[in-house]
Amino acid sequence: MNDDDRAVLFIRLLAEHERRLAAYVMTFVSSASDADDILQETKIWLWRSFDQFERGTNFGAWARQAAFYRIQQFIRKRGTEGKRFVFSDTCLEQLADAFEKNVESREERVERLSDCVSRLSPKHRQILTLRYGEELAVDEIAGRINRTVAATYRVLSRVRLSLRDCVLGGGEDFVTTSEVAQ
């Protein structure tokens, strides 16, 4: 594999797993700044060590293992500086194992959520995009869609409940939000 193909493969795999890797790091490190530092160090290590990655194996698991070592180093360093309460390596390993056991179920829920969102009416998808994609406040959304703030809260609440029921129910018998009261 030439260097260009290697870089493209790495970028594709990293992009595919980046959000889950960030969630993994945030499981152990509550500070966004510290998590960003750990993620950067992990990504640099992953790139430098990409020749060691065996194609066809689980890139996400490999990346999380690399992040785990950086998390351990970070926590040990913080402990020796006396800045934070430090979990033992055994405790960290148990947390990592618990995270790994739930990866597939989280991925399935994300896929179901995507499917459920795709079934929403265009108007309700727009409201979700404004709220969670653009991170607008409800009063800003109400102004954009020409509704009252109270009505916008009600629609958002009903859409979220509908999505929750859809995801938890596996997507079967999904009541589209066009059927949800406006």
N, C-alpha and C. Protein backbone atom coordinates (compact mmCIF):
# COMPACT_ATOMS: atom_id res chain seq x y z
N MET A 1 0.85 -1.17 0.00
CA MET A 1 0.00 0.00 0.00
C MET A 1 0.90 1.24 0.00
N ASN A 2 0.64 2.13 -0.95
CA ASN A 2 1.46 3.35 -1.00
C ASN A 2 1.03 4.33 0.08
N ASP A 3 1.84 5.36 0.27
CA ASP A 3 1.60 6.32 1.35
C ASP A 3 0.25 7.04 1.22
N ASP A 4 -0.15 7.35 -0.01
CA ASP A 4 -1.44 8.03 -0.21
C ASP A 4 -2.60 7.12 0.19
N ASP A 5 -2.55 5.86 -0.25
CA ASP A 5 -3.61 4.90 0.11
C ASP A 5 -3.65 4.69 1.62
N ARG A 6 -2.48 4.63 2.23
CA ARG A 6 -2.37 4.44 3.68
C ARG A 6 -3.02 5.63 4.40
N ALA A 7 -2.72 6.84 3.95
CA ALA A 7 -3.29 8.04 4.57
C ALA A 7 -4.80 8.09 4.40
N VAL A 8 -5.28 7.75 3.23
CA VAL A 8 -6.72 7.77 2.97
C VAL A 8 -7.43 6.75 3.86
N LEU A 9 -6.87 5.56 3.96
CA LEU A 9 -7.47 4.53 4.81
C LEU A 9 -7.49 4.98 6.26
N PHE A 10 -6.39 5.54 6.73
CA PHE A 10 -6.33 6.00 8.11
C PHE A 10 -7.38 7.08 8.37
N ILE A 11 -7.46 8.06 7.50
CA ILE A 11 -8.41 9.16 7.68
C ILE A 11 -9.84 8.63 7.67
N ARG A 12 -10.13 7.70 6.78
CA ARG A 12 -11.49 7.13 6.70
C ARG A 12 -11.83 6.39 7.99
N LEU A 13 -10.91 5.56 8.47
CA LEU A 13 -11.16 4.80 9.69
C LEU A 13 -11.28 5.72 10.91
N LEU A 14 -10.41 6.70 10.99
CA LEU A 14 -10.46 7.63 12.12
C LEU A 14 -11.77 8.41 12.10
N ALA A 15 -12.16 8.89 10.95
CA ALA A 15 -13.41 9.65 10.85
C ALA A 15 -14.61 8.80 11.26
N GLU A 16 -14.58 7.54 10.89
CA GLU A 16 -15.67 6.62 11.22
C GLU A 16 -15.78 6.38 12.73
N HIS A 17 -14.66 6.43 13.43
CA HIS A 17 -14.64 6.08 14.85
C HIS A 17 -14.37 7.26 15.78
N GLU A 18 -14.21 8.45 15.23
CA GLU A 18 -13.77 9.59 16.03
C GLU A 18 -14.74 9.96 17.15
N ARG A 19 -16.04 10.01 16.86
CA ARG A 19 -17.00 10.39 17.89
C ARG A 19 -17.04 9.39 19.03
N ARG A 20 -17.01 8.11 18.68
CA ARG A 20 -17.03 7.08 19.73
C ARG A 20 -15.75 7.12 20.55
N LEU A 21 -14.63 7.43 19.90
CA LEU A 21 -13.36 7.54 20.61
C LEU A 21 -13.42 8.72 21.59
N ALA A 22 -13.99 9.82 21.16
CA ALA A 22 -14.13 10.98 22.05
C ALA A 22 -15.05 10.65 23.22
N ALA A 23 -16.14 9.94 22.96
CA ALA A 23 -17.05 9.54 24.03
C ALA A 23 -16.34 8.62 25.02
N TYR A 24 -15.50 7.75 24.49
CA TYR A 24 -14.73 6.84 25.33
C TYR A 24 -13.82 7.62 26.27
N VAL A 25 -13.09 8.58 25.73
CA VAL A 25 -12.17 9.36 26.55
C VAL A 25 -12.95 10.16 27.59
N MET A 26 -14.07 10.73 27.20
CA MET A 26 -14.88 11.51 28.15
C MET A 26 -15.47 10.64 29.26
N THR A 27 -15.54 9.33 29.04
CA THR A 27 -15.98 8.42 30.09
C THR A 27 -15.03 8.48 31.28
N PHE A 28 -13.77 8.72 31.01
CA PHE A 28 -12.74 8.70 32.04
C PHE A 28 -12.31 10.09 32.49
N VAL A 29 -12.42 11.06 31.61
CA VAL A 29 -11.87 12.39 31.86
C VAL A 29 -13.01 13.40 31.69
N SER A 30 -13.32 14.12 32.75
CA SER A 30 -14.48 15.01 32.69
C SER A 30 -14.19 16.36 32.05
N SER A 31 -12.94 16.77 32.05
CA SER A 31 -12.59 18.06 31.49
C SER A 31 -12.46 17.96 29.97
N ALA A 32 -13.21 18.80 29.26
CA ALA A 32 -13.15 18.78 27.79
C ALA A 32 -11.74 19.11 27.29
N SER A 33 -11.09 20.02 27.94
CA SER A 33 -9.73 20.39 27.55
C SER A 33 -8.76 19.22 27.71
N ASP A 34 -8.84 18.52 28.85
CA ASP A 34 -7.99 17.36 29.07
C ASP A 34 -8.33 16.25 28.07
N ALA A 35 -9.61 16.05 27.82
CA ALA A 35 -10.03 15.03 26.86
C ALA A 35 -9.49 15.35 25.47
N ASP A 36 -9.54 16.61 25.08
CA ASP A 36 -9.01 17.02 23.77
C ASP A 36 -7.51 16.73 23.68
N ASP A 37 -6.79 17.01 24.76
CA ASP A 37 -5.35 16.73 24.77
C ASP A 37 -5.08 15.24 24.61
N ILE A 38 -5.83 14.43 25.34
CA ILE A 38 -5.66 12.97 25.26
C ILE A 38 -6.01 12.48 23.86
N LEU A 39 -7.08 13.01 23.29
CA LEU A 39 -7.47 12.60 21.93
C LEU A 39 -6.40 12.97 20.92
N GLN A 40 -5.84 14.17 21.04
CA GLN A 40 -4.76 14.57 20.12
C GLN A 40 -3.56 13.64 20.22
N GLU A 41 -3.15 13.36 21.46
CA GLU A 41 -2.02 12.45 21.66
C GLU A 41 -2.34 11.06 21.08
N THR A 42 -3.55 10.62 21.29
CA THR A 42 -3.96 9.31 20.78
C THR A 42 -3.93 9.29 19.26
N LYS A 43 -4.46 10.31 18.63
CA LYS A 43 -4.49 10.36 17.16
C LYS A 43 -3.08 10.38 16.58
N ILE A 44 -2.20 11.12 17.22
CA ILE A 44 -0.81 11.16 16.75
C ILE A 44 -0.20 9.78 16.87
N TRP A 45 -0.42 9.11 18.00
CA TRP A 45 0.11 7.76 18.18
C TRP A 45 -0.49 6.79 17.15
N LEU A 46 -1.79 6.90 16.92
CA LEU A 46 -2.45 6.02 15.96
C LEU A 46 -1.84 6.18 14.57
N TRP A 47 -1.60 7.42 14.16
CA TRP A 47 -1.01 7.65 12.84
C TRP A 47 0.40 7.09 12.77
N ARG A 48 1.20 7.38 13.78
CA ARG A 48 2.58 6.90 13.78
C ARG A 48 2.66 5.38 13.85
N SER A 49 1.66 4.76 14.44
CA SER A 49 1.67 3.31 14.63
C SER A 49 0.75 2.59 13.65
N PHE A 50 0.23 3.30 12.67
CA PHE A 50 -0.76 2.72 11.77
C PHE A 50 -0.24 1.50 11.02
N ASP A 51 1.07 1.41 10.80
CA ASP A 51 1.64 0.23 10.15
C ASP A 51 1.43 -1.03 10.99
N GLN A 52 1.25 -0.85 12.31
CA GLN A 52 1.03 -1.99 13.20
C GLN A 52 -0.42 -2.45 13.20
N PHE A 53 -1.33 -1.60 12.71
CA PHE A 53 -2.74 -1.97 12.67
C PHE A 53 -2.95 -3.05 11.61
N GLU A 54 -3.62 -4.10 12.02
CA GLU A 54 -3.88 -5.21 11.10
C GLU A 54 -5.20 -4.96 10.38
N ARG A 55 -5.11 -4.71 9.08
CA ARG A 55 -6.32 -4.46 8.29
C ARG A 55 -7.30 -5.60 8.44
N GLY A 56 -8.58 -5.23 8.53
CA GLY A 56 -9.62 -6.23 8.69
C GLY A 56 -9.99 -6.46 10.14
N THR A 57 -9.18 -5.93 11.06
CA THR A 57 -9.54 -6.04 12.47
C THR A 57 -10.29 -4.78 12.89
N ASN A 58 -10.67 -4.71 14.14
CA ASN A 58 -11.51 -3.63 14.64
C ASN A 58 -10.68 -2.39 14.96
N PHE A 59 -10.73 -1.40 14.08
CA PHE A 59 -9.98 -0.16 14.27
C PHE A 59 -10.44 0.56 15.54
N GLY A 60 -11.75 0.57 15.79
CA GLY A 60 -12.27 1.26 16.97
C GLY A 60 -11.70 0.69 18.26
N ALA A 61 -11.66 -0.64 18.35
CA ALA A 61 -11.10 -1.27 19.55
C ALA A 61 -9.61 -0.95 19.68
N TRP A 62 -8.90 -0.97 18.58
CA TRP A 62 -7.46 -0.66 18.57
C TRP A 62 -7.24 0.79 19.03
N ALA A 63 -8.07 1.70 18.52
CA ALA A 63 -7.95 3.12 18.88
C ALA A 63 -8.30 3.34 20.35
N ARG A 64 -9.34 2.66 20.84
CA ARG A 64 -9.71 2.81 22.25
C ARG A 64 -8.62 2.26 23.17
N GLN A 65 -7.97 1.18 22.75
CA GLN A 65 -6.87 0.64 23.55
C GLN A 65 -5.73 1.65 23.63
N ALA A 66 -5.43 2.28 22.51
CA ALA A 66 -4.38 3.31 22.50
C ALA A 66 -4.78 4.48 23.40
N ALA A 67 -6.04 4.88 23.33
CA ALA A 67 -6.51 5.98 24.18
C ALA A 67 -6.46 5.59 25.65
N PHE A 68 -6.77 4.33 25.94
CA PHE A 68 -6.76 3.86 27.32
C PHE A 68 -5.39 4.07 27.96
N TYR A 69 -4.34 3.75 27.23
CA TYR A 69 -2.99 3.94 27.78
C TYR A 69 -2.71 5.42 28.05
N ARG A 70 -3.16 6.29 27.17
CA ARG A 70 -2.96 7.71 27.39
C ARG A 70 -3.79 8.22 28.57
N ILE A 71 -4.98 7.67 28.72
CA ILE A 71 -5.83 8.01 29.86
C ILE A 71 -5.15 7.59 31.16
N GLN A 72 -4.62 6.37 31.17
CA GLN A 72 -3.91 5.89 32.37
C GLN A 72 -2.74 6.82 32.70
N GLN A 73 -1.97 7.19 31.70
CA GLN A 73 -0.83 8.08 31.94
C GLN A 73 -1.30 9.42 32.51
N PHE A 74 -2.35 9.96 31.93
CA PHE A 74 -2.89 11.24 32.37
C PHE A 74 -3.35 11.15 33.83
N ILE A 75 -4.10 10.10 34.16
CA ILE A 75 -4.64 9.96 35.51
C ILE A 75 -3.51 9.75 36.52
N ARG A 76 -2.53 8.95 36.14
CA ARG A 76 -1.38 8.75 37.04
C ARG A 76 -0.65 10.07 37.29
N LYS A 77 -0.45 10.83 36.22
CA LYS A 77 0.24 12.11 36.35
C LYS A 77 -0.55 13.05 37.27
N ARG A 78 -1.86 13.12 37.08
CA ARG A 78 -2.69 13.97 37.92
C ARG A 78 -2.64 13.51 39.38
N GLY A 79 -2.58 12.21 39.57
CA GLY A 79 -2.51 11.68 40.93
C GLY A 79 -1.21 12.04 41.62
N THR A 80 -0.10 11.98 40.88
CA THR A 80 1.18 12.32 41.49
C THR A 80 1.30 13.82 41.73
N GLU A 81 0.54 14.60 40.98
CA GLU A 81 0.54 16.05 41.21
C GLU A 81 -0.40 16.42 42.36
N GLY A 82 -1.15 15.41 42.83
CA GLY A 82 -2.08 15.65 43.93
C GLY A 82 -3.28 16.49 43.55
N LYS A 83 -3.59 16.54 42.24
CA LYS A 83 -4.67 17.41 41.78
C LYS A 83 -6.03 16.74 41.76
N ARG A 84 -6.06 15.43 41.72
CA ARG A 84 -7.34 14.74 41.59
C ARG A 84 -7.30 13.41 42.33
N PHE A 85 -8.51 12.92 42.61
CA PHE A 85 -8.66 11.57 43.11
C PHE A 85 -8.31 10.63 41.96
N VAL A 86 -7.57 9.58 42.22
CA VAL A 86 -7.10 8.70 41.15
C VAL A 86 -7.67 7.30 41.33
N PHE A 87 -8.26 6.78 40.26
CA PHE A 87 -8.73 5.40 40.25
C PHE A 87 -7.54 4.47 40.06
N SER A 88 -7.65 3.28 40.59
CA SER A 88 -6.60 2.29 40.40
C SER A 88 -6.64 1.80 38.95
N ASP A 89 -5.55 1.19 38.50
CA ASP A 89 -5.52 0.62 37.16
C ASP A 89 -6.60 -0.44 36.99
N THR A 90 -6.84 -1.21 38.06
CA THR A 90 -7.88 -2.25 38.00
C THR A 90 -9.25 -1.62 37.77
N CYS A 91 -9.52 -0.55 38.46
CA CYS A 91 -10.80 0.14 38.29
C CYS A 91 -10.92 0.70 36.87
N LEU A 92 -9.85 1.31 36.37
CA LEU A 92 -9.87 1.84 35.00
C LEU A 92 -10.11 0.72 34.00
N GLU A 93 -9.47 -0.42 34.20
CA GLU A 93 -9.66 -1.56 33.29
C GLU A 93 -11.09 -2.06 33.33
N GLN A 94 -11.70 -2.08 34.50
CA GLN A 94 -13.10 -2.50 34.61
C GLN A 94 -14.02 -1.52 33.89
N LEU A 95 -13.74 -0.24 34.01
CA LEU A 95 -14.53 0.76 33.29
C LEU A 95 -14.37 0.58 31.78
N ALA A 96 -13.14 0.34 31.34
CA ALA A 96 -12.89 0.15 29.91
C ALA A 96 -13.61 -1.10 29.40
N ASP A 97 -13.58 -2.17 30.18
CA ASP A 97 -14.28 -3.40 29.79
C ASP A 97 -15.78 -3.17 29.68
N ALA A 98 -16.33 -2.42 30.64
CA ALA A 98 -17.77 -2.13 30.60
C ALA A 98 -18.11 -1.31 29.36
N PHE A 99 -17.26 -0.36 29.02
CA PHE A 99 -17.48 0.45 27.82
C PHE A 99 -17.48 -0.45 26.58
N GLU A 100 -16.50 -1.34 26.48
CA GLU A 100 -16.38 -2.23 25.32
C GLU A 100 -17.60 -3.14 25.18
N LYS A 101 -18.13 -3.62 26.29
CA LYS A 101 -19.28 -4.52 26.25
C LYS A 101 -20.52 -3.83 25.70
N ASN A 102 -20.59 -2.52 25.84
CA ASN A 102 -21.77 -1.78 25.41
C ASN A 102 -21.61 -1.09 24.06
N VAL A 103 -20.45 -1.22 23.41
CA VAL A 103 -20.20 -0.53 22.15
C VAL A 103 -21.22 -0.93 21.09
N GLU A 104 -21.43 -2.24 20.92
CA GLU A 104 -22.35 -2.69 19.87
C GLU A 104 -23.77 -2.24 20.13
N SER A 105 -24.22 -2.29 21.37
CA SER A 105 -25.59 -1.87 21.65
C SER A 105 -25.76 -0.38 21.42
N ARG A 106 -24.74 0.43 21.75
CA ARG A 106 -24.81 1.87 21.48
C ARG A 106 -24.85 2.12 19.98
N GLU A 107 -24.04 1.39 19.22
CA GLU A 107 -24.02 1.57 17.77
C GLU A 107 -25.37 1.20 17.16
N GLU A 108 -25.99 0.15 17.67
CA GLU A 108 -27.32 -0.24 17.18
C GLU A 108 -28.34 0.85 17.48
N ARG A 109 -28.27 1.44 18.68
CA ARG A 109 -29.21 2.51 19.03
C ARG A 109 -29.00 3.73 18.15
N VAL A 110 -27.75 4.05 17.84
CA VAL A 110 -27.47 5.19 16.96
C VAL A 110 -28.05 4.92 15.57
N GLU A 111 -27.89 3.71 15.08
CA GLU A 111 -28.47 3.37 13.76
C GLU A 111 -29.99 3.46 13.80
N ARG A 112 -30.60 2.96 14.87
CA ARG A 112 -32.07 3.04 14.99
C ARG A 112 -32.51 4.50 15.07
N LEU A 113 -31.75 5.31 15.82
CA LEU A 113 -32.10 6.73 15.92
C LEU A 113 -32.05 7.39 14.55
N SER A 114 -31.02 7.09 13.80
CA SER A 114 -30.90 7.66 12.46
C SER A 114 -32.10 7.26 11.60
N ASP A 115 -32.48 6.00 11.68
CA ASP A 115 -33.64 5.52 10.92
C ASP A 115 -34.91 6.23 11.39
N CYS A 116 -35.07 6.37 12.69
CA CYS A 116 -36.26 7.02 13.24
C CYS A 116 -36.32 8.49 12.83
N VAL A 117 -35.19 9.17 12.87
CA VAL A 117 -35.15 10.58 12.46
C VAL A 117 -35.52 10.71 10.99
N SER A 118 -35.06 9.77 10.18
CA SER A 118 -35.37 9.85 8.75
C SER A 118 -36.87 9.71 8.48
N ARG A 119 -37.61 9.12 9.40
CA ARG A 119 -39.05 8.96 9.24
C ARG A 119 -39.84 10.18 9.68
N LEU A 120 -39.17 11.12 10.33
CA LEU A 120 -39.87 12.32 10.77
C LEU A 120 -40.30 13.17 9.59
N SER A 121 -41.29 14.00 9.83
CA SER A 121 -41.69 14.94 8.79
C SER A 121 -40.55 15.94 8.58
N PRO A 122 -40.46 16.53 7.39
CA PRO A 122 -39.40 17.51 7.15
C PRO A 122 -39.42 18.66 8.17
N LYS A 123 -40.60 19.10 8.57
CA LYS A 123 -40.72 20.20 9.53
C LYS A 123 -40.10 19.81 10.88
N HIS A 124 -40.36 18.59 11.31
CA HIS A 124 -39.83 18.15 12.60
C HIS A 124 -38.32 17.88 12.53
N ARG A 125 -37.86 17.39 11.39
CA ARG A 125 -36.40 17.23 11.22
C ARG A 125 -35.73 18.60 11.27
N GLN A 126 -36.38 19.60 10.66
CA GLN A 126 -35.84 20.96 10.69
C GLN A 126 -35.74 21.47 12.12
N ILE A 127 -36.76 21.25 12.91
CA ILE A 127 -36.75 21.71 14.31
C ILE A 127 -35.62 21.02 15.07
N LEU A 128 -35.45 19.71 14.88
CA LEU A 128 -34.36 18.99 15.54
C LEU A 128 -33.00 19.53 15.09
N THR A 129 -32.86 19.81 13.81
CA THR A 129 -31.60 20.34 13.29
C THR A 129 -31.30 21.71 13.91
N LEU A 130 -32.32 22.53 14.00
CA LEU A 130 -32.12 23.86 14.60
C LEU A 130 -31.71 23.73 16.07
N ARG A 131 -32.35 22.80 16.77
CA ARG A 131 -32.08 22.67 18.21
C ARG A 131 -30.75 21.98 18.48
N TYR A 132 -30.49 20.86 17.82
CA TYR A 132 -29.32 20.05 18.17
C TYR A 132 -28.17 20.20 17.18
N GLY A 133 -28.47 20.51 15.94
CA GLY A 133 -27.42 20.72 14.95
C GLY A 133 -26.83 22.11 15.05
N GLU A 134 -27.72 23.11 15.08
CA GLU A 134 -27.27 24.50 15.16
C GLU A 134 -27.24 25.00 16.60
N GLU A 135 -27.74 24.20 17.52
CA GLU A 135 -27.73 24.51 18.95
C GLU A 135 -28.42 25.84 19.27
N LEU A 136 -29.54 26.08 18.60
CA LEU A 136 -30.30 27.30 18.86
C LEU A 136 -31.16 27.12 20.11
N ALA A 137 -31.40 28.21 20.80
CA ALA A 137 -32.32 28.20 21.93
C ALA A 137 -33.74 28.06 21.40
N VAL A 138 -34.63 27.57 22.24
CA VAL A 138 -36.00 27.32 21.82
C VAL A 138 -36.68 28.61 21.38
N ASP A 139 -36.41 29.71 22.03
CA ASP A 139 -37.05 30.96 21.61
C ASP A 139 -36.58 31.39 20.21
N GLU A 140 -35.32 31.09 19.87
CA GLU A 140 -34.82 31.40 18.53
C GLU A 140 -35.50 30.50 17.48
N ILE A 141 -35.67 29.24 17.85
CA ILE A 141 -36.35 28.31 16.93
C ILE A 141 -37.79 28.76 16.72
N ALA A 142 -38.46 29.14 17.80
CA ALA A 142 -39.85 29.58 17.70
C ALA A 142 -39.97 30.75 16.73
N GLY A 143 -39.03 31.67 16.81
CA GLY A 143 -39.04 32.81 15.89
C GLY A 143 -38.84 32.39 14.45
N ARG A 144 -37.95 31.44 14.24
CA ARG A 144 -37.68 30.99 12.87
C ARG A 144 -38.84 30.23 12.25
N ILE A 145 -39.56 29.45 13.07
CA ILE A 145 -40.64 28.63 12.51
C ILE A 145 -42.02 29.27 12.71
N ASN A 146 -41.98 30.50 13.25
CA ASN A 146 -43.21 31.28 13.42
C ASN A 146 -44.23 30.58 14.32
N ARG A 147 -43.74 30.14 15.49
CA ARG A 147 -44.60 29.54 16.52
C ARG A 147 -44.28 30.19 17.85
N THR A 148 -45.15 29.96 18.81
CA THR A 148 -44.87 30.47 20.15
C THR A 148 -43.79 29.59 20.78
N VAL A 149 -43.14 30.12 21.79
CA VAL A 149 -42.12 29.35 22.51
C VAL A 149 -42.75 28.12 23.14
N ALA A 150 -43.93 28.29 23.75
CA ALA A 150 -44.61 27.16 24.40
C ALA A 150 -44.93 26.07 23.38
N ALA A 151 -45.42 26.46 22.21
CA ALA A 151 -45.75 25.47 21.18
C ALA A 151 -44.49 24.76 20.69
N THR A 152 -43.40 25.49 20.59
CA THR A 152 -42.14 24.89 20.14
C THR A 152 -41.63 23.90 21.17
N TYR A 153 -41.72 24.25 22.45
CA TYR A 153 -41.35 23.30 23.51
C TYR A 153 -42.19 22.02 23.41
N ARG A 154 -43.50 22.19 23.19
CA ARG A 154 -44.38 21.01 23.10
C ARG A 154 -44.00 20.13 21.93
N VAL A 155 -43.76 20.74 20.77
CA VAL A 155 -43.38 19.95 19.60
C VAL A 155 -42.07 19.22 19.85
N LEU A 156 -41.08 19.93 20.37
CA LEU A 156 -39.79 19.28 20.66
C LEU A 156 -39.96 18.12 21.64
N SER A 157 -40.75 18.33 22.66
CA SER A 157 -40.99 17.28 23.64
C SER A 157 -41.65 16.06 23.00
N ARG A 158 -42.65 16.29 22.18
CA ARG A 158 -43.35 15.18 21.53
C ARG A 158 -42.45 14.46 20.54
N VAL A 159 -41.64 15.21 19.81
CA VAL A 159 -40.72 14.59 18.85
C VAL A 159 -39.69 13.74 19.60
N ARG A 160 -39.14 14.27 20.68
CA ARG A 160 -38.15 13.50 21.47
C ARG A 160 -38.77 12.23 22.03
N LEU A 161 -39.98 12.33 22.56
CA LEU A 161 -40.66 11.14 23.09
C LEU A 161 -40.92 10.11 21.99
N SER A 162 -41.33 10.60 20.85
CA SER A 162 -41.58 9.72 19.71
C SER A 162 -40.30 9.02 19.28
N LEU A 163 -39.20 9.78 19.22
CA LEU A 163 -37.91 9.18 18.86
C LEU A 163 -37.46 8.17 19.91
N ARG A 164 -37.62 8.52 21.17
CA ARG A 164 -37.25 7.59 22.24
C ARG A 164 -38.02 6.28 22.10
N ASP A 165 -39.33 6.37 21.90
CA ASP A 165 -40.14 5.17 21.75
C ASP A 165 -39.72 4.36 20.53
N CYS A 166 -39.40 5.07 19.46
CA CYS A 166 -38.96 4.41 18.23
C CYS A 166 -37.65 3.67 18.46
N VAL A 167 -36.69 4.33 19.09
CA VAL A 167 -35.37 3.72 19.32
C VAL A 167 -35.49 2.54 20.27
N LEU A 168 -36.20 2.72 21.38
CA LEU A 168 -36.33 1.65 22.36
C LEU A 168 -37.15 0.49 21.84
N GLY A 169 -38.09 0.80 20.94
CA GLY A 169 -38.92 -0.25 20.36
C GLY A 169 -38.29 -0.89 19.14
N GLY A 170 -37.07 -0.50 18.82
CA GLY A 170 -36.39 -1.07 17.67
C GLY A 170 -36.89 -0.53 16.35
N GLY A 171 -37.71 0.52 16.40
CA GLY A 171 -38.17 1.14 15.16
C GLY A 171 -39.51 0.60 14.69
N GLU A 172 -39.98 -0.51 15.31
CA GLU A 172 -41.25 -1.06 14.90
C GLU A 172 -42.39 -0.19 15.41
N ASP A 173 -43.47 -0.19 14.69
CA ASP A 173 -44.67 0.53 15.10
C ASP A 173 -44.37 1.99 15.44
N PHE A 174 -43.50 2.59 14.69
CA PHE A 174 -43.14 3.98 14.93
C PHE A 174 -44.26 4.88 14.49
N VAL A 175 -44.67 5.75 15.39
CA VAL A 175 -45.69 6.73 15.06
C VAL A 175 -44.95 7.95 14.54
N THR A 176 -45.13 8.24 13.26
CA THR A 176 -44.43 9.38 12.70
C THR A 176 -44.93 10.64 13.36
N THR A 177 -44.07 11.61 13.43
CA THR A 177 -44.47 12.83 14.12
C THR A 177 -45.47 13.65 13.33
N SER A 178 -45.74 13.23 12.09
CA SER A 178 -46.84 13.90 11.40
C SER A 178 -48.15 13.53 12.09
N GLU A 179 -48.12 12.37 12.81
CA GLU A 179 -49.27 11.95 13.57
C GLU A 179 -49.26 12.56 14.97
N VAL A 180 -48.08 13.12 15.37
CA VAL A 180 -47.98 13.76 16.68
C VAL A 180 -48.65 15.12 16.58
N ALA A 181 -49.39 15.46 17.58
CA ALA A 181 -50.12 16.72 17.56
C ALA A 181 -49.16 17.88 17.34
N GLN A 182 -49.54 18.77 16.46
CA GLN A 182 -48.73 19.95 16.20
C GLN A 182 -48.84 20.83 17.37
